[in-house]
Amino acid sequence: MTEHTSKQYDAELESLRTRVLQMGGLVENQIVSAIEGLGAADTSIFKEVIRREKEVNDIELEIDELSNHILARRQPAAVDLRSVIVAIKMIRDLERIGDEAEKVARMGMMIADAGKHFVPKVDLHRIASNAIAMLRKVLDAYARVNAVSAAEVVKADIEVDDEFKAILRQLITFMMEDPRTISRSIEILFIAKAIERIGDHSKNMSEHVVYMVKGRDVRHQGPEAVAQEASGN
């Protein structure tokens, strides 16, 4: 990023970036814990994920306040303005990822409380691993100001969407073959959808990073077009 004659201004921009990454780390930890809770059927893990949602909301408000301060006092332009705008957009998606992690935890608690009766055997590991990898990659791209790496996240979202559709087909089959699995299947479907939405929000953030670095709005474009914009001069 550009260095300014005001060291305080530079410090504020760096603090903004750092706080966004801290929020990203909190949210990543939330979803990783929620998925671990599913495997262990541990309600204490789920409760901790839900408790940490307040921390995510609090840091979102802090970043909002800092962003507003920079906009009002510094009147940033060009890349600095895009950096502040993107920080504001990033935390919206991160907050929603936190909401999805909380949803996974709440559905997981319902499944755990019901015991192992009529729970369809659906593997969520692959879709969860891919969604978490997307989140980690876009946060890394944001930290390194790397548009090319960010653009790769857009392509990865296609696989997560396909995995969700496959899980949906599996659950429909289970429910048709044994109606006793319907309640648990619906809960698992909510979990899978929450994970798929995490991929969507990570994709959104990757588009924000490309905009921040290149100054080009790549929303509503295909993966190839985004990659081309990210790698262009």
Protein backbone atom coordinates (compact mmCIF):
# COMPACT_ATOMS: atom_id res chain seq x y z
CA MET A 1 0.00 0.00 0.00
CA THR A 2 1.03 3.64 -0.47
CA GLU A 3 3.11 5.29 2.25
CA HIS A 4 1.93 8.71 3.38
CA THR A 5 3.59 11.70 4.96
CA SER A 6 1.33 11.13 7.98
CA LYS A 7 2.59 8.11 9.89
CA GLN A 8 -0.63 8.15 11.90
CA TYR A 9 -2.62 7.72 8.69
CA ASP A 10 -0.48 4.75 7.70
CA ALA A 11 -0.96 3.29 11.16
CA GLU A 12 -4.73 3.65 10.91
CA LEU A 13 -4.85 1.88 7.53
CA GLU A 14 -2.62 -0.90 8.85
CA SER A 15 -4.75 -1.22 11.98
CA LEU A 16 -7.85 -1.54 9.81
CA ARG A 17 -6.29 -4.34 7.77
CA THR A 18 -5.06 -6.09 10.91
CA ARG A 19 -8.48 -5.94 12.57
CA VAL A 20 -10.17 -7.39 9.47
CA LEU A 21 -7.68 -10.29 9.54
CA GLN A 22 -8.29 -10.78 13.26
CA MET A 23 -12.01 -10.98 12.61
CA GLY A 24 -11.29 -13.45 9.83
CA GLY A 25 -9.28 -15.58 12.25
CA LEU A 26 -12.13 -15.59 14.77
CA VAL A 27 -14.66 -16.62 12.14
CA GLU A 28 -12.37 -19.31 10.74
CA ASN A 29 -11.95 -20.72 14.23
CA GLN A 30 -15.72 -20.73 14.66
CA ILE A 31 -16.43 -22.82 11.58
CA VAL A 32 -13.50 -25.19 12.19
CA SER A 33 -14.75 -25.78 15.74
CA ALA A 34 -18.33 -26.29 14.56
CA ILE A 35 -17.21 -28.95 12.07
CA GLU A 36 -15.08 -30.63 14.75
CA GLY A 37 -18.13 -30.64 17.00
CA LEU A 38 -20.10 -32.52 14.36
CA GLY A 39 -17.52 -35.27 14.25
CA ALA A 40 -17.33 -35.57 18.03
CA ALA A 41 -21.05 -34.91 18.68
CA ASP A 42 -19.77 -32.65 21.48
CA THR A 43 -22.34 -30.10 22.61
CA SER A 44 -19.74 -28.19 24.64
CA ILE A 45 -17.92 -27.33 21.40
CA PHE A 46 -21.17 -26.15 19.85
CA LYS A 47 -21.94 -23.96 22.86
CA GLU A 48 -18.51 -22.33 22.61
CA VAL A 49 -19.04 -21.60 18.90
CA ILE A 50 -22.34 -19.91 19.71
CA ARG A 51 -20.78 -17.95 22.57
CA ARG A 52 -18.01 -16.58 20.33
CA GLU A 53 -20.57 -15.06 17.98
CA LYS A 54 -20.71 -12.01 20.27
CA GLU A 55 -16.94 -11.52 19.86
CA VAL A 56 -17.36 -11.52 16.08
CA ASN A 57 -20.18 -8.97 16.28
CA ASP A 58 -18.16 -6.74 18.62
CA ILE A 59 -15.10 -6.63 16.37
CA GLU A 60 -17.36 -5.87 13.39
CA LEU A 61 -18.60 -2.77 15.20
CA GLU A 62 -15.04 -1.73 16.06
CA ILE A 63 -13.95 -2.03 12.42
CA ASP A 64 -17.00 -0.06 11.31
CA GLU A 65 -16.07 2.73 13.70
CA LEU A 66 -12.44 2.79 12.54
CA SER A 67 -13.52 2.79 8.88
CA ASN A 68 -15.88 5.70 9.46
CA HIS A 69 -13.12 7.60 11.25
CA ILE A 70 -10.72 7.16 8.33
CA LEU A 71 -13.34 8.18 5.78
CA ALA A 72 -14.36 11.27 7.72
CA ARG A 73 -10.94 12.47 8.91
CA ARG A 74 -8.58 11.32 6.16
CA GLN A 75 -10.81 11.54 3.08
CA PRO A 76 -8.87 8.74 1.34
CA ALA A 77 -8.63 8.49 -2.44
CA ALA A 78 -7.64 5.89 -5.05
CA VAL A 79 -6.27 2.66 -3.57
CA ASP A 80 -6.66 3.90 0.02
CA LEU A 81 -10.35 4.55 -0.54
CA ARG A 82 -10.78 1.11 -2.11
CA SER A 83 -9.00 -0.44 0.89
CA VAL A 84 -11.46 1.13 3.32
CA ILE A 85 -14.47 0.26 1.17
CA VAL A 86 -13.28 -3.34 0.86
CA ALA A 87 -12.68 -3.62 4.61
CA ILE A 88 -16.30 -2.58 5.20
CA LYS A 89 -17.52 -5.15 2.66
CA MET A 90 -15.22 -7.89 3.97
CA ILE A 91 -16.53 -7.65 7.51
CA ARG A 92 -20.12 -7.95 6.29
CA ASP A 93 -19.29 -11.28 4.68
CA LEU A 94 -17.21 -12.39 7.66
CA GLU A 95 -20.08 -11.60 10.03
CA ARG A 96 -22.40 -13.69 7.89
CA ILE A 97 -19.90 -16.55 7.88
CA GLY A 98 -19.97 -16.36 11.66
CA ASP A 99 -23.76 -16.60 11.51
CA GLU A 100 -23.47 -19.71 9.33
CA ALA A 101 -21.00 -21.27 11.77
CA GLU A 102 -23.48 -20.60 14.57
CA LYS A 103 -26.19 -22.26 12.48
CA VAL A 104 -24.01 -25.34 12.03
CA ALA A 105 -23.47 -25.46 15.79
CA ARG A 106 -27.19 -25.15 16.57
CA MET A 107 -28.14 -27.87 14.09
CA GLY A 108 -25.31 -30.02 15.45
CA MET A 109 -26.70 -29.65 18.96
CA MET A 110 -30.11 -30.80 17.77
CA ILE A 111 -28.60 -33.87 16.11
CA ALA A 112 -26.45 -34.65 19.17
CA ASP A 113 -29.43 -34.29 21.52
CA ALA A 114 -31.44 -36.71 19.39
CA GLY A 115 -28.77 -39.39 19.64
CA LYS A 116 -27.73 -41.60 16.75
CA HIS A 117 -31.21 -42.78 15.82
CA PHE A 118 -32.15 -42.42 12.15
CA VAL A 119 -29.19 -40.19 11.29
CA PRO A 120 -28.33 -40.68 7.59
CA LYS A 121 -24.66 -41.33 6.91
CA VAL A 122 -23.67 -38.34 4.81
CA ASP A 123 -20.04 -37.27 4.59
CA LEU A 124 -19.73 -33.51 5.12
CA HIS A 125 -15.95 -33.59 5.44
CA ARG A 126 -15.16 -32.78 1.81
CA ILE A 127 -17.50 -29.82 1.42
CA ALA A 128 -16.45 -28.45 4.82
CA SER A 129 -12.73 -28.82 4.04
CA ASN A 130 -13.14 -27.04 0.71
CA ALA A 131 -15.19 -24.19 2.18
CA ILE A 132 -12.68 -23.66 4.98
CA ALA A 133 -9.83 -23.74 2.45
CA MET A 134 -11.61 -21.03 0.45
CA LEU A 135 -11.93 -18.85 3.53
CA ARG A 136 -8.27 -19.30 4.45
CA LYS A 137 -7.11 -18.57 0.92
CA VAL A 138 -9.09 -15.36 0.56
CA LEU A 139 -7.87 -14.09 3.94
CA ASP A 140 -4.31 -14.86 2.85
CA ALA A 141 -4.90 -13.09 -0.48
CA TYR A 142 -6.23 -10.05 1.39
CA ALA A 143 -3.22 -10.04 3.73
CA ARG A 144 -0.76 -10.30 0.82
CA VAL A 145 -2.75 -7.97 -1.48
CA ASN A 146 -2.74 -10.75 -4.09
CA ALA A 147 -5.49 -10.48 -6.71
CA VAL A 148 -4.43 -13.62 -8.61
CA SER A 149 -4.70 -15.80 -5.51
CA ALA A 150 -8.05 -14.22 -4.66
CA ALA A 151 -9.39 -15.00 -8.13
CA GLU A 152 -8.68 -18.71 -7.58
CA VAL A 153 -11.27 -18.71 -4.80
CA VAL A 154 -14.00 -17.82 -7.30
CA LYS A 155 -13.28 -21.00 -9.24
CA ALA A 156 -13.20 -23.11 -6.07
CA ASP A 157 -16.78 -22.08 -5.28
CA ILE A 158 -18.05 -24.15 -8.21
CA GLU A 159 -16.82 -27.36 -6.58
CA VAL A 160 -18.44 -26.47 -3.25
CA ASP A 161 -21.75 -25.83 -5.04
CA ASP A 162 -21.50 -29.20 -6.79
CA GLU A 163 -20.78 -30.96 -3.50
CA PHE A 164 -23.85 -29.38 -1.93
CA LYS A 165 -26.03 -30.62 -4.80
CA ALA A 166 -24.64 -34.13 -4.36
CA ILE A 167 -25.41 -34.06 -0.62
CA LEU A 168 -28.92 -32.83 -1.36
CA ARG A 169 -29.50 -35.78 -3.71
CA GLN A 170 -28.21 -38.19 -1.07
CA LEU A 171 -30.51 -36.80 1.60
CA ILE A 172 -33.54 -36.95 -0.69
CA THR A 173 -32.78 -40.62 -1.30
CA PHE A 174 -32.49 -41.32 2.43
CA MET A 175 -35.80 -39.58 3.17
CA MET A 176 -37.62 -41.41 0.38
CA GLU A 177 -36.31 -44.80 1.46
CA ASP A 178 -36.88 -44.29 5.20
CA PRO A 179 -39.23 -41.48 6.36
CA ARG A 180 -37.85 -41.88 9.89
CA THR A 181 -34.69 -40.09 8.73
CA ILE A 182 -36.55 -36.97 7.61
CA SER A 183 -35.95 -34.86 10.74
CA ARG A 184 -32.23 -35.60 10.91
CA SER A 185 -31.90 -35.25 7.13
CA ILE A 186 -33.37 -31.76 7.25
CA GLU A 187 -30.94 -30.77 10.00
CA ILE A 188 -28.01 -32.12 7.98
CA LEU A 189 -29.33 -30.27 4.94
CA PHE A 190 -29.30 -27.01 6.92
CA ILE A 191 -25.70 -27.72 7.91
CA ALA A 192 -24.65 -28.46 4.33
CA LYS A 193 -26.39 -25.30 3.11
CA ALA A 194 -24.65 -23.23 5.79
CA ILE A 195 -21.28 -24.61 4.65
CA GLU A 196 -22.17 -23.88 1.02
CA ARG A 197 -23.03 -20.31 2.00
CA ILE A 198 -19.63 -19.95 3.65
CA GLY A 199 -18.16 -20.73 0.24
CA ASP A 200 -20.40 -18.07 -1.31
CA HIS A 201 -19.25 -15.43 1.17
CA SER A 202 -15.60 -16.37 0.62
CA LYS A 203 -16.19 -15.96 -3.11
CA ASN A 204 -17.68 -12.52 -2.46
CA MET A 205 -14.60 -11.55 -0.46
CA SER A 206 -12.29 -12.75 -3.22
CA GLU A 207 -14.06 -10.40 -5.63
CA HIS A 208 -13.61 -7.57 -3.11
CA VAL A 209 -9.86 -8.27 -2.97
CA VAL A 210 -9.57 -8.14 -6.76
CA TYR A 211 -11.38 -4.80 -6.71
CA MET A 212 -9.08 -3.48 -3.97
CA VAL A 213 -5.93 -4.42 -5.87
CA LYS A 214 -6.98 -3.78 -9.46
CA GLY A 215 -9.74 -1.22 -9.11
CA ARG A 216 -12.03 -3.38 -11.24
CA ASP A 217 -15.46 -4.61 -10.18
CA VAL A 218 -15.54 -8.31 -11.06
CA ARG A 219 -18.86 -9.23 -9.49
CA HIS A 220 -21.24 -11.33 -11.60
CA GLN A 221 -18.42 -12.48 -13.88
CA GLY A 222 -17.32 -16.05 -14.47
CA PRO A 223 -14.13 -17.51 -12.97
CA GLU A 224 -12.16 -17.13 -16.21
CA ALA A 225 -13.10 -13.45 -16.56
CA VAL A 226 -12.20 -12.77 -12.92
CA ALA A 227 -8.85 -14.53 -13.33
CA GLN A 228 -8.12 -12.45 -16.42
CA GLU A 229 -8.96 -9.20 -14.65
CA ALA A 230 -6.85 -10.22 -11.63
CA SER A 231 -3.79 -11.01 -13.72
CA GLY A 232 -4.12 -7.98 -16.03
CA ASN A 233 -2.21 -4.75 -15.60
